[in-house]
Amino acid sequence: MTPARKYHVHGTRLRGRRGFTLIEMLVGLTLIGVVAIILVAVLIASARSRGSTMNQLESTQAASAALDMIARDTRSAGYGADLDAAQPQPPIAYVDSLQILLCENLSPYPDSSAAHQSPLAYSPTGNPRPKPIDGTAWQPPMRYRTGAEIVRYTLDLNNDGVVDANDLATPDGADARRTKNPNDYVLVRQVYGDSTGNVANNNGGTTERIAIVSKPGGSVPPLFTVYMQGSSTPYDWSNGPVPAAQLSQIQRVEVRVSSPSTKPDWRGNYANTELKTVVNSMRNTPSAGPPTYVCNGYVYNDANQNGSKDPTELGLANANVRLGNIYSTYTASNGFFMFRVPAGTYTLRHTPPSGYGSLVNPDSFVVNLSPTSGTISHSFGDTARAGGWVSIHVFNDANQNGYQDFSETPLASMKVTLTPGT
C-alpha cells in the first residue's frame, strides 16, 4: 500500500469524529426550553385549579352545613311549646334579616306532660338574655311551663344588638379574624333554657360556631326572609323586625346562606356559595280557624294615681282580666296580660287582686279588633289607697267597754253605711 492511500484513510477517520454545530445546539436548547415552559405552565395551572376547587369546596360545605342546621331547627319550631298558656309560647320568638329565635323542645326525653327536665323554657328574669328579647316587646311574659328552649341563630356575637367589627373581636369571632375577607362573619347557634346544669335562673346560652358567612347587605341577600299568611310578597325588613303581635302569622321562612371561602384565589377573588331553602314554620302548631288579633296591657300599682304606668310602678300578678263573655286570663308576674281572639267588638274589664281597688271608673274599655286595628293595648291602674276590703263585726256591747266580751252576743241584720272619703 502506498503512503498516499494511508493518508487518505486517516483523513476519513478524522472527519467521522466531529461534534454538534452551534445551530444544532441552539435548536436543541430551544426545544428543551419550550418543553420546560409548557410543563411549568401546566403545573401552575394545575395548582391554581386545585386551589380554586378547594376554595369552592370549602365554601360549599360551609353553606350546606349552615343551611341544613337552620332548616332543621326552623322545621322544629313550636315542637313541645306551651301552646295552652294564656299568652301561648310562639314557635318563632323573634326574627329579622340577620337572626332568628325559635321555641322548641330539643331534649324531650325524659320529659312528660307533668314533669320537664332541665333545661326548661327560657326565663326572662334569668341570665344570660339574648338582646332581641331582653326588655323588649318580644320578651316572654313568663317562663313557660314546658321544656321548650329558645334556639338563636345570629351574627351578633357580643349580644349588643348590632352586627359590626366588634363581633369579630369576641372569642367566637376568631375564625373570621383569621381570614383576609373583610366581609367575613361567624354564624353561631345558641341555646337558652332555664336551669341549665340544674342551676336555677341559669339560661345557659351555649354557643356553637356553625360557619363563616357574608354579612347581609348590598349584594348579599338577607339571611332570613319571611312570608305572612295570605301574602305572596315577603315581609319588608325596612319596617324593622316582625312585630311581636304578628309572629303567629308567619307562614313560611326562606333561609339564604352566602358563604365565602377563607382564602382568595390567584386573582384575589373569594369563592362564594349561596344556598337557599324554604321552610313552612307552622308545621308543629295548629293553624286552623279564623285569623286572630291581639289585645294586651298591664294591671299595675298606680302609686302616684296619674292614670299611666310609670317605669317605677310594678305590675300586679294574678289579677283576673276578661275580654267579652268568653275569654278570661290572669296576669303574669309582671302584670302583663294578652288575648289573641277573632275579630269583633269586646268589653275589656278586670278584677283587682286582693288588697287593691280600681282607680278607674268605669273600670272597662270597649275594644274593636279587626284586620286594620293592629294590636290594641289598655292597662288598668289599681291602688291600695283607692279601695280594698273593710271587715265589720257588730255585737251587743252590754257593759259598753268597746270590746266583745265572752257573754256579749253578735247582732244580725244590722244596717251598715260606709261614707265615701279618702
Protein backbone atom coordinates (compact mmCIF):
# COMPACT_ATOMS: atom_id res chain seq x y z
CA MET A 1 0.00 0.00 0.00
CA THR A 2 1.38 3.41 -0.96
CA PRO A 3 1.80 6.21 1.62
CA ALA A 4 -0.77 8.42 -0.12
CA ARG A 5 -3.53 5.85 0.41
CA LYS A 6 -2.67 5.58 4.08
CA TYR A 7 -3.04 9.33 4.45
CA HIS A 8 -6.45 9.26 2.72
CA VAL A 9 -7.82 6.62 5.11
CA HIS A 10 -6.52 8.52 8.12
CA GLY A 11 -8.21 11.72 6.91
CA THR A 12 -11.55 9.92 6.58
CA ARG A 13 -11.41 8.78 10.23
CA LEU A 14 -10.86 12.33 11.43
CA ARG A 15 -13.92 13.62 9.65
CA GLY A 16 -16.17 10.91 11.30
CA ARG A 17 -15.38 12.22 14.84
CA ARG A 18 -16.64 15.86 14.55
CA GLY A 19 -19.32 17.24 17.25
CA PHE A 20 -22.65 19.28 17.08
CA THR A 21 -22.68 22.51 15.31
CA LEU A 22 -23.72 25.75 17.09
CA ILE A 23 -27.02 25.85 15.21
CA GLU A 24 -27.88 22.32 16.30
CA MET A 25 -27.16 23.18 19.94
CA LEU A 26 -29.34 26.28 19.79
CA VAL A 27 -32.22 24.35 18.27
CA GLY A 28 -31.91 21.66 20.98
CA LEU A 29 -31.83 24.16 23.82
CA THR A 30 -34.83 25.97 22.37
CA LEU A 31 -36.84 22.76 22.24
CA ILE A 32 -35.90 21.90 25.81
CA GLY A 33 -36.89 25.39 26.97
CA VAL A 34 -40.26 25.21 25.25
CA VAL A 35 -40.98 21.85 26.83
CA ALA A 36 -39.93 23.16 30.26
CA ILE A 37 -42.15 26.24 29.89
CA ILE A 38 -45.09 24.07 28.92
CA LEU A 39 -44.52 21.79 31.90
CA VAL A 40 -44.23 24.73 34.32
CA ALA A 41 -47.38 26.31 32.87
CA VAL A 42 -49.24 23.03 33.29
CA LEU A 43 -48.06 22.73 36.90
CA ILE A 44 -49.02 26.33 37.70
CA ALA A 45 -52.43 25.95 36.08
CA SER A 46 -52.97 22.70 37.94
CA ALA A 47 -52.02 24.30 41.27
CA ARG A 48 -54.30 27.26 40.61
CA SER A 49 -57.15 24.97 39.59
CA ARG A 50 -56.64 22.86 42.70
CA GLY A 51 -56.65 25.97 44.89
CA SER A 52 -59.83 27.30 43.27
CA THR A 53 -61.50 23.91 43.60
CA MET A 54 -60.56 23.61 47.26
CA ASN A 55 -61.83 27.14 47.94
CA GLN A 56 -65.12 26.37 46.21
CA LEU A 57 -65.45 23.08 48.08
CA GLU A 58 -64.80 24.83 51.42
CA SER A 59 -67.40 27.46 50.59
CA THR A 60 -70.00 24.89 49.53
CA GLN A 61 -69.50 22.71 52.61
CA ALA A 62 -69.86 25.70 54.96
CA ALA A 63 -73.01 26.96 53.25
CA SER A 64 -74.55 23.49 53.16
CA ALA A 65 -73.84 22.79 56.84
CA ALA A 66 -75.29 26.14 57.93
CA LEU A 67 -78.38 25.78 55.75
CA ASP A 68 -79.09 22.24 56.95
CA MET A 69 -78.85 23.18 60.63
CA ILE A 70 -81.02 26.30 60.34
CA ALA A 71 -83.63 24.49 58.25
CA ARG A 72 -83.75 21.57 60.69
CA ASP A 73 -84.34 23.81 63.71
CA THR A 74 -86.83 26.01 61.86
CA ARG A 75 -88.85 22.94 60.88
CA SER A 76 -88.97 22.02 64.59
CA ALA A 77 -90.22 25.47 65.67
CA GLY A 78 -93.13 25.10 68.09
CA TYR A 79 -92.43 21.46 68.92
CA GLY A 80 -93.26 20.91 72.60
CA ALA A 81 -94.08 24.59 73.11
CA ASP A 82 -96.57 25.81 75.71
CA LEU A 83 -99.48 26.43 73.34
CA ASP A 84 -102.14 26.31 76.07
CA ALA A 85 -100.83 29.26 78.09
CA ALA A 86 -102.91 32.45 78.38
CA GLN A 87 -100.29 34.00 76.11
CA PRO A 88 -99.15 30.99 74.06
CA GLN A 89 -95.44 30.37 73.59
CA PRO A 90 -94.78 31.33 69.94
CA PRO A 91 -92.92 28.98 67.57
CA ILE A 92 -90.84 31.96 66.42
CA ALA A 93 -89.91 34.28 69.29
CA TYR A 94 -88.16 36.88 67.11
CA VAL A 95 -86.91 37.27 63.54
CA ASP A 96 -85.21 39.92 61.42
CA SER A 97 -82.98 39.80 58.35
CA LEU A 98 -79.90 38.79 60.37
CA GLN A 99 -81.16 36.44 63.09
CA ILE A 100 -83.99 34.20 64.23
CA LEU A 101 -85.03 32.92 67.66
CA LEU A 102 -87.09 29.72 67.80
CA CYS A 103 -89.01 27.99 70.62
CA GLU A 104 -88.76 24.19 70.61
CA ASN A 105 -88.19 21.28 72.97
CA LEU A 106 -84.81 19.93 71.90
CA SER A 107 -84.49 17.23 74.58
CA PRO A 108 -87.98 15.89 75.24
CA TYR A 109 -86.81 12.68 76.93
CA PRO A 110 -87.38 12.08 79.83
CA ASP A 111 -89.83 14.98 79.82
CA SER A 112 -93.50 14.25 80.28
CA SER A 113 -96.64 16.36 80.27
CA ALA A 114 -96.35 16.73 84.04
CA ALA A 115 -92.57 16.98 84.58
CA HIS A 116 -89.90 18.65 82.46
CA GLN A 117 -86.20 18.08 82.99
CA SER A 118 -83.57 20.77 82.60
CA PRO A 119 -83.10 22.81 80.62
CA LEU A 120 -86.58 24.27 80.98
CA ALA A 121 -88.17 27.02 78.96
CA TYR A 122 -86.21 30.29 78.80
CA SER A 123 -86.55 32.52 81.88
CA PRO A 124 -86.91 36.26 81.14
CA THR A 125 -85.55 37.01 84.63
CA GLY A 126 -82.57 34.67 84.37
CA ASN A 127 -79.16 35.15 82.76
CA PRO A 128 -77.85 35.37 80.12
CA ARG A 129 -80.53 37.04 78.00
CA PRO A 130 -80.35 37.49 74.20
CA LYS A 131 -80.65 41.16 73.22
CA PRO A 132 -83.76 40.93 70.97
CA ILE A 133 -85.97 39.59 73.78
CA ASP A 134 -84.42 41.40 76.74
CA GLY A 135 -86.80 44.13 77.94
CA THR A 136 -88.44 44.48 74.51
CA ALA A 137 -91.93 43.82 73.15
CA TRP A 138 -90.67 40.32 72.22
CA GLN A 139 -89.72 39.41 75.80
CA PRO A 140 -91.65 36.35 77.02
CA PRO A 141 -94.16 37.31 79.74
CA MET A 142 -93.00 34.44 81.94
CA ARG A 143 -91.02 31.23 81.98
CA TYR A 144 -93.34 28.90 80.13
CA ARG A 145 -94.37 25.58 81.66
CA THR A 146 -92.67 23.29 79.15
CA GLY A 147 -89.12 22.36 78.27
CA ALA A 148 -89.20 24.31 75.02
CA GLU A 149 -85.95 26.27 74.95
CA ILE A 150 -85.02 29.19 72.69
CA VAL A 151 -82.65 28.45 69.80
CA ARG A 152 -80.95 31.51 68.31
CA TYR A 153 -79.04 31.82 65.04
CA THR A 154 -77.18 35.12 64.89
CA LEU A 155 -74.08 37.04 63.77
CA ASP A 156 -74.29 39.30 66.85
CA LEU A 157 -71.60 37.52 68.85
CA ASN A 158 -71.23 40.18 71.56
CA ASN A 159 -75.03 40.50 72.02
CA ASP A 160 -75.09 44.29 71.70
CA GLY A 161 -77.87 44.41 69.11
CA VAL A 162 -75.54 45.41 66.23
CA VAL A 163 -73.56 43.29 63.77
CA ASP A 164 -70.22 45.05 63.26
CA ALA A 165 -66.47 44.63 63.61
CA ASN A 166 -66.81 44.37 67.40
CA ASP A 167 -68.34 40.93 66.94
CA LEU A 168 -65.11 39.73 65.34
CA ALA A 169 -63.17 40.75 68.46
CA THR A 170 -65.00 38.19 70.59
CA PRO A 171 -63.53 34.70 71.17
CA ASP A 172 -66.15 33.18 68.87
CA GLY A 173 -65.13 35.60 66.10
CA ALA A 174 -61.61 34.14 65.87
CA ASP A 175 -62.35 32.18 62.69
CA ALA A 176 -63.39 35.32 60.82
CA ARG A 177 -60.41 37.28 62.16
CA ARG A 178 -58.01 34.82 60.55
CA THR A 179 -59.36 35.35 57.03
CA LYS A 180 -58.42 38.18 54.65
CA ASN A 181 -62.02 38.78 53.58
CA PRO A 182 -63.33 41.91 55.38
CA ASN A 183 -66.96 40.79 54.98
CA ASP A 184 -66.49 37.51 56.84
CA TYR A 185 -68.63 36.97 59.94
CA VAL A 186 -69.23 33.91 62.10
CA LEU A 187 -72.73 32.44 62.25
CA VAL A 188 -73.41 30.86 65.65
CA ARG A 189 -76.17 28.72 67.13
CA GLN A 190 -77.09 29.44 70.75
CA VAL A 191 -79.48 27.56 73.05
CA TYR A 192 -81.12 29.32 76.02
CA GLY A 193 -83.10 27.40 78.66
CA ASP A 194 -83.65 27.91 82.38
CA SER A 195 -81.98 25.71 85.00
CA THR A 196 -79.18 24.69 82.66
CA GLY A 197 -76.92 22.39 84.64
CA ASN A 198 -79.72 22.24 87.25
CA VAL A 199 -78.88 25.80 88.35
CA ALA A 200 -81.97 28.00 88.78
CA ASN A 201 -82.09 31.17 86.65
CA ASN A 202 -79.17 29.94 84.53
CA ASN A 203 -80.29 30.25 80.91
CA GLY A 204 -77.13 28.61 79.63
CA GLY A 205 -76.67 30.34 76.30
CA THR A 206 -74.34 27.64 74.99
CA THR A 207 -72.75 28.73 71.70
CA GLU A 208 -71.77 26.61 68.70
CA ARG A 209 -69.87 28.12 65.76
CA ILE A 210 -71.58 27.00 62.56
CA ALA A 211 -69.92 28.62 59.55
CA ILE A 212 -68.24 31.71 58.15
CA VAL A 213 -70.82 33.69 56.16
CA SER A 214 -71.08 37.06 54.46
CA LYS A 215 -72.92 39.79 56.33
CA PRO A 216 -76.21 40.56 54.53
CA GLY A 217 -76.38 43.94 52.86
CA GLY A 218 -75.62 45.37 49.45
CA SER A 219 -75.34 42.49 47.00
CA VAL A 220 -75.58 39.90 49.81
CA PRO A 221 -79.24 38.86 50.36
CA PRO A 222 -80.87 38.71 53.83
CA LEU A 223 -80.15 35.62 55.86
CA PHE A 224 -83.88 35.28 56.63
CA THR A 225 -86.94 36.27 54.58
CA VAL A 226 -90.45 35.66 55.92
CA TYR A 227 -93.86 35.46 54.28
CA MET A 228 -97.01 36.23 56.25
CA GLN A 229 -100.26 34.31 55.93
CA GLY A 230 -102.17 35.20 52.78
CA SER A 231 -99.27 37.20 51.27
CA SER A 232 -97.17 36.26 48.25
CA THR A 233 -94.66 39.07 48.84
CA PRO A 234 -92.01 38.90 51.57
CA TYR A 235 -92.15 40.98 54.71
CA ASP A 236 -90.35 44.31 54.23
CA TRP A 237 -87.36 44.49 56.59
CA SER A 238 -87.25 48.28 56.21
CA ASN A 239 -90.18 48.25 58.68
CA GLY A 240 -87.97 46.60 61.30
CA PRO A 241 -88.33 43.10 62.80
CA VAL A 242 -91.65 41.28 62.53
CA PRO A 243 -93.80 42.79 65.33
CA ALA A 244 -94.40 40.54 68.32
CA ALA A 245 -98.16 40.54 67.68
CA GLN A 246 -97.66 39.28 64.11
CA LEU A 247 -95.22 36.44 64.78
CA SER A 248 -98.05 33.89 64.79
CA GLN A 249 -98.98 34.99 61.26
CA ILE A 250 -95.66 33.88 59.74
CA GLN A 251 -96.44 31.16 57.24
CA ARG A 252 -93.00 30.30 55.90
CA VAL A 253 -89.36 31.29 56.25
CA GLU A 254 -86.83 31.47 53.43
CA VAL A 255 -83.27 30.81 54.59
CA ARG A 256 -80.49 32.01 52.29
CA VAL A 257 -76.85 31.43 53.27
CA SER A 258 -73.99 33.14 51.42
CA SER A 259 -70.68 31.59 52.48
CA PRO A 260 -67.31 32.73 51.06
CA SER A 261 -64.01 30.84 51.13
CA THR A 262 -61.48 31.87 53.74
CA LYS A 263 -58.65 32.24 51.19
CA PRO A 264 -58.58 34.14 47.86
CA ASP A 265 -57.54 32.53 44.58
CA TRP A 266 -54.53 33.68 42.50
CA ARG A 267 -56.61 36.54 41.11
CA GLY A 268 -57.54 37.73 44.63
CA ASN A 269 -61.17 36.56 44.32
CA TYR A 270 -63.01 34.63 47.03
CA ALA A 271 -65.10 31.63 46.03
CA ASN A 272 -68.69 32.03 47.20
CA THR A 273 -71.61 29.65 47.53
CA GLU A 274 -75.18 30.82 48.00
CA LEU A 275 -77.76 28.23 49.01
CA LYS A 276 -81.40 28.69 49.99
CA THR A 277 -84.38 26.70 51.20
CA VAL A 278 -87.96 27.48 52.22
CA VAL A 279 -89.41 26.11 55.46
CA ASN A 280 -93.05 26.07 56.49
CA SER A 281 -92.60 27.32 60.05
CA MET A 282 -96.11 26.41 61.21
CA ARG A 283 -95.82 22.66 60.76
CA ASN A 284 -95.70 21.99 64.55
CA THR A 285 -98.53 24.35 65.54
CA PRO A 286 -102.20 24.27 64.60
CA SER A 287 -103.18 26.87 62.00
CA ALA A 288 -106.86 26.03 61.61
CA GLY A 289 -109.51 28.59 62.42
CA PRO A 290 -110.05 32.26 61.64
CA PRO A 291 -107.29 34.90 61.92
CA THR A 292 -106.78 36.23 65.42
CA TYR A 293 -105.86 39.68 66.71
CA VAL A 294 -104.15 40.86 69.88
CA CYS A 295 -105.39 42.87 72.84
CA ASN A 296 -102.89 43.29 75.67
CA GLY A 297 -101.87 45.52 78.56
CA TYR A 298 -100.86 45.62 82.20
CA VAL A 299 -102.55 45.64 85.60
CA TYR A 300 -100.25 47.73 87.79
CA ASN A 301 -99.99 49.59 91.07
CA ASP A 302 -100.65 53.22 90.12
CA ALA A 303 -98.81 54.57 93.16
CA ASN A 304 -99.00 58.25 92.11
CA GLN A 305 -102.55 57.88 90.76
CA ASN A 306 -101.74 59.63 87.47
CA GLY A 307 -103.55 57.06 85.33
CA SER A 308 -100.45 55.84 83.42
CA LYS A 309 -97.86 53.15 84.11
CA ASP A 310 -94.57 54.77 85.09
CA PRO A 311 -91.27 52.83 84.87
CA THR A 312 -91.07 52.51 88.67
CA GLU A 313 -94.62 51.22 89.10
CA LEU A 314 -94.79 47.45 89.45
CA GLY A 315 -97.24 45.15 87.76
CA LEU A 316 -99.75 43.16 89.80
CA ALA A 317 -99.76 39.40 89.35
CA ASN A 318 -102.79 37.07 89.30
CA ALA A 319 -105.35 39.77 88.51
CA ASN A 320 -108.29 38.35 86.55
CA VAL A 321 -108.86 40.04 83.17
CA ARG A 322 -111.86 39.32 80.93
CA LEU A 323 -112.50 40.10 77.28
CA GLY A 324 -116.16 39.83 76.43
CA ASN A 325 -118.18 36.98 77.91
CA ILE A 326 -115.92 34.14 76.74
CA TYR A 327 -112.25 34.98 77.17
CA SER A 328 -110.56 35.20 80.55
CA THR A 329 -106.96 35.15 81.77
CA TYR A 330 -104.75 36.08 84.74
CA THR A 331 -101.84 38.49 84.68
CA ALA A 332 -98.26 37.20 84.75
CA SER A 333 -95.72 38.05 87.45
CA ASN A 334 -95.04 41.43 85.78
CA GLY A 335 -98.75 42.27 85.49
CA PHE A 336 -98.88 41.63 81.74
CA PHE A 337 -101.89 40.06 80.02
CA MET A 338 -102.67 39.30 76.40
CA PHE A 339 -105.64 37.94 74.42
CA ARG A 340 -105.46 36.57 70.89
CA VAL A 341 -109.05 36.40 69.61
CA PRO A 342 -111.05 36.62 66.35
CA ALA A 343 -112.18 40.00 65.02
CA GLY A 344 -115.08 41.59 66.85
CA THR A 345 -116.18 44.14 69.45
CA TYR A 346 -115.48 43.21 73.06
CA THR A 347 -115.64 44.76 76.53
CA LEU A 348 -112.35 44.54 78.42
CA ARG A 349 -112.58 44.54 82.24
CA HIS A 350 -110.69 43.18 85.21
CA THR A 351 -110.96 42.24 88.88
CA PRO A 352 -108.24 43.81 91.06
CA PRO A 353 -106.14 41.40 93.12
CA SER A 354 -106.71 41.15 96.84
CA GLY A 355 -105.75 44.33 98.70
CA TYR A 356 -106.15 46.59 95.66
CA GLY A 357 -109.01 48.54 94.14
CA SER A 358 -109.57 50.07 90.74
CA LEU A 359 -108.69 53.73 90.31
CA VAL A 360 -110.62 53.97 87.03
CA ASN A 361 -114.38 54.42 86.97
CA PRO A 362 -115.94 52.86 84.96
CA ASP A 363 -113.40 50.06 85.03
CA SER A 364 -113.85 48.80 81.44
CA PHE A 365 -112.91 49.51 77.83
CA VAL A 366 -114.68 48.77 74.53
CA VAL A 367 -112.26 47.04 72.17
CA ASN A 368 -112.76 46.74 68.39
CA LEU A 369 -110.40 44.15 66.89
CA SER A 370 -110.12 43.91 63.12
CA PRO A 371 -107.52 43.32 60.37
CA THR A 372 -106.78 47.05 60.36
CA SER A 373 -106.79 47.66 64.11
CA GLY A 374 -103.38 46.17 64.87
CA THR A 375 -102.59 45.39 68.49
CA ILE A 376 -104.85 47.23 70.96
CA SER A 377 -103.42 47.92 74.41
CA HIS A 378 -105.24 49.02 77.57
CA SER A 379 -103.85 48.98 81.11
CA PHE A 380 -105.57 49.07 84.47
CA GLY A 381 -104.14 51.23 87.25
CA ASP A 382 -105.02 49.85 90.67
CA THR A 383 -104.03 51.19 94.06
CA ALA A 384 -104.30 50.04 97.64
CA ARG A 385 -105.37 53.57 98.58
CA ALA A 386 -108.30 53.54 96.19
CA GLY A 387 -110.09 50.54 97.57
CA GLY A 388 -109.98 47.29 99.46
CA TRP A 389 -111.94 45.19 101.93
CA VAL A 390 -113.49 46.60 105.13
CA SER A 391 -114.48 43.94 107.67
CA ILE A 392 -117.25 44.91 110.13
CA HIS A 393 -118.47 42.98 113.16
CA VAL A 394 -121.50 44.20 115.18
CA PHE A 395 -122.22 42.96 118.70
CA ASN A 396 -124.25 43.92 121.79
CA ASP A 397 -121.75 45.77 123.99
CA ALA A 398 -123.72 45.26 127.21
CA ASN A 399 -121.07 46.74 129.51
CA GLN A 400 -120.11 49.45 126.99
CA ASN A 401 -116.39 48.80 127.27
CA GLY A 402 -115.77 48.77 123.46
CA TYR A 403 -114.80 45.09 123.38
CA GLN A 404 -116.85 41.97 122.76
CA ASP A 405 -116.80 40.01 125.97
CA PHE A 406 -117.49 36.32 126.10
CA SER A 407 -121.12 36.80 127.15
CA GLU A 408 -121.87 39.55 124.58
CA THR A 409 -123.68 38.21 121.50
CA PRO A 410 -123.32 39.30 117.85
CA LEU A 411 -126.18 41.23 116.25
CA ALA A 412 -127.64 40.12 112.91
CA SER A 413 -129.38 42.10 110.15
CA MET A 414 -127.80 45.40 111.18
CA LYS A 415 -127.58 48.12 108.51
CA VAL A 416 -124.03 49.42 107.97
CA THR A 417 -123.18 52.56 105.99
CA LEU A 418 -119.68 53.37 104.61
CA THR A 419 -119.33 57.09 103.95
CA PRO A 420 -117.12 57.92 100.90
CA GLY A 421 -113.85 59.56 101.73
CA THR A 422 -110.09 59.20 101.32
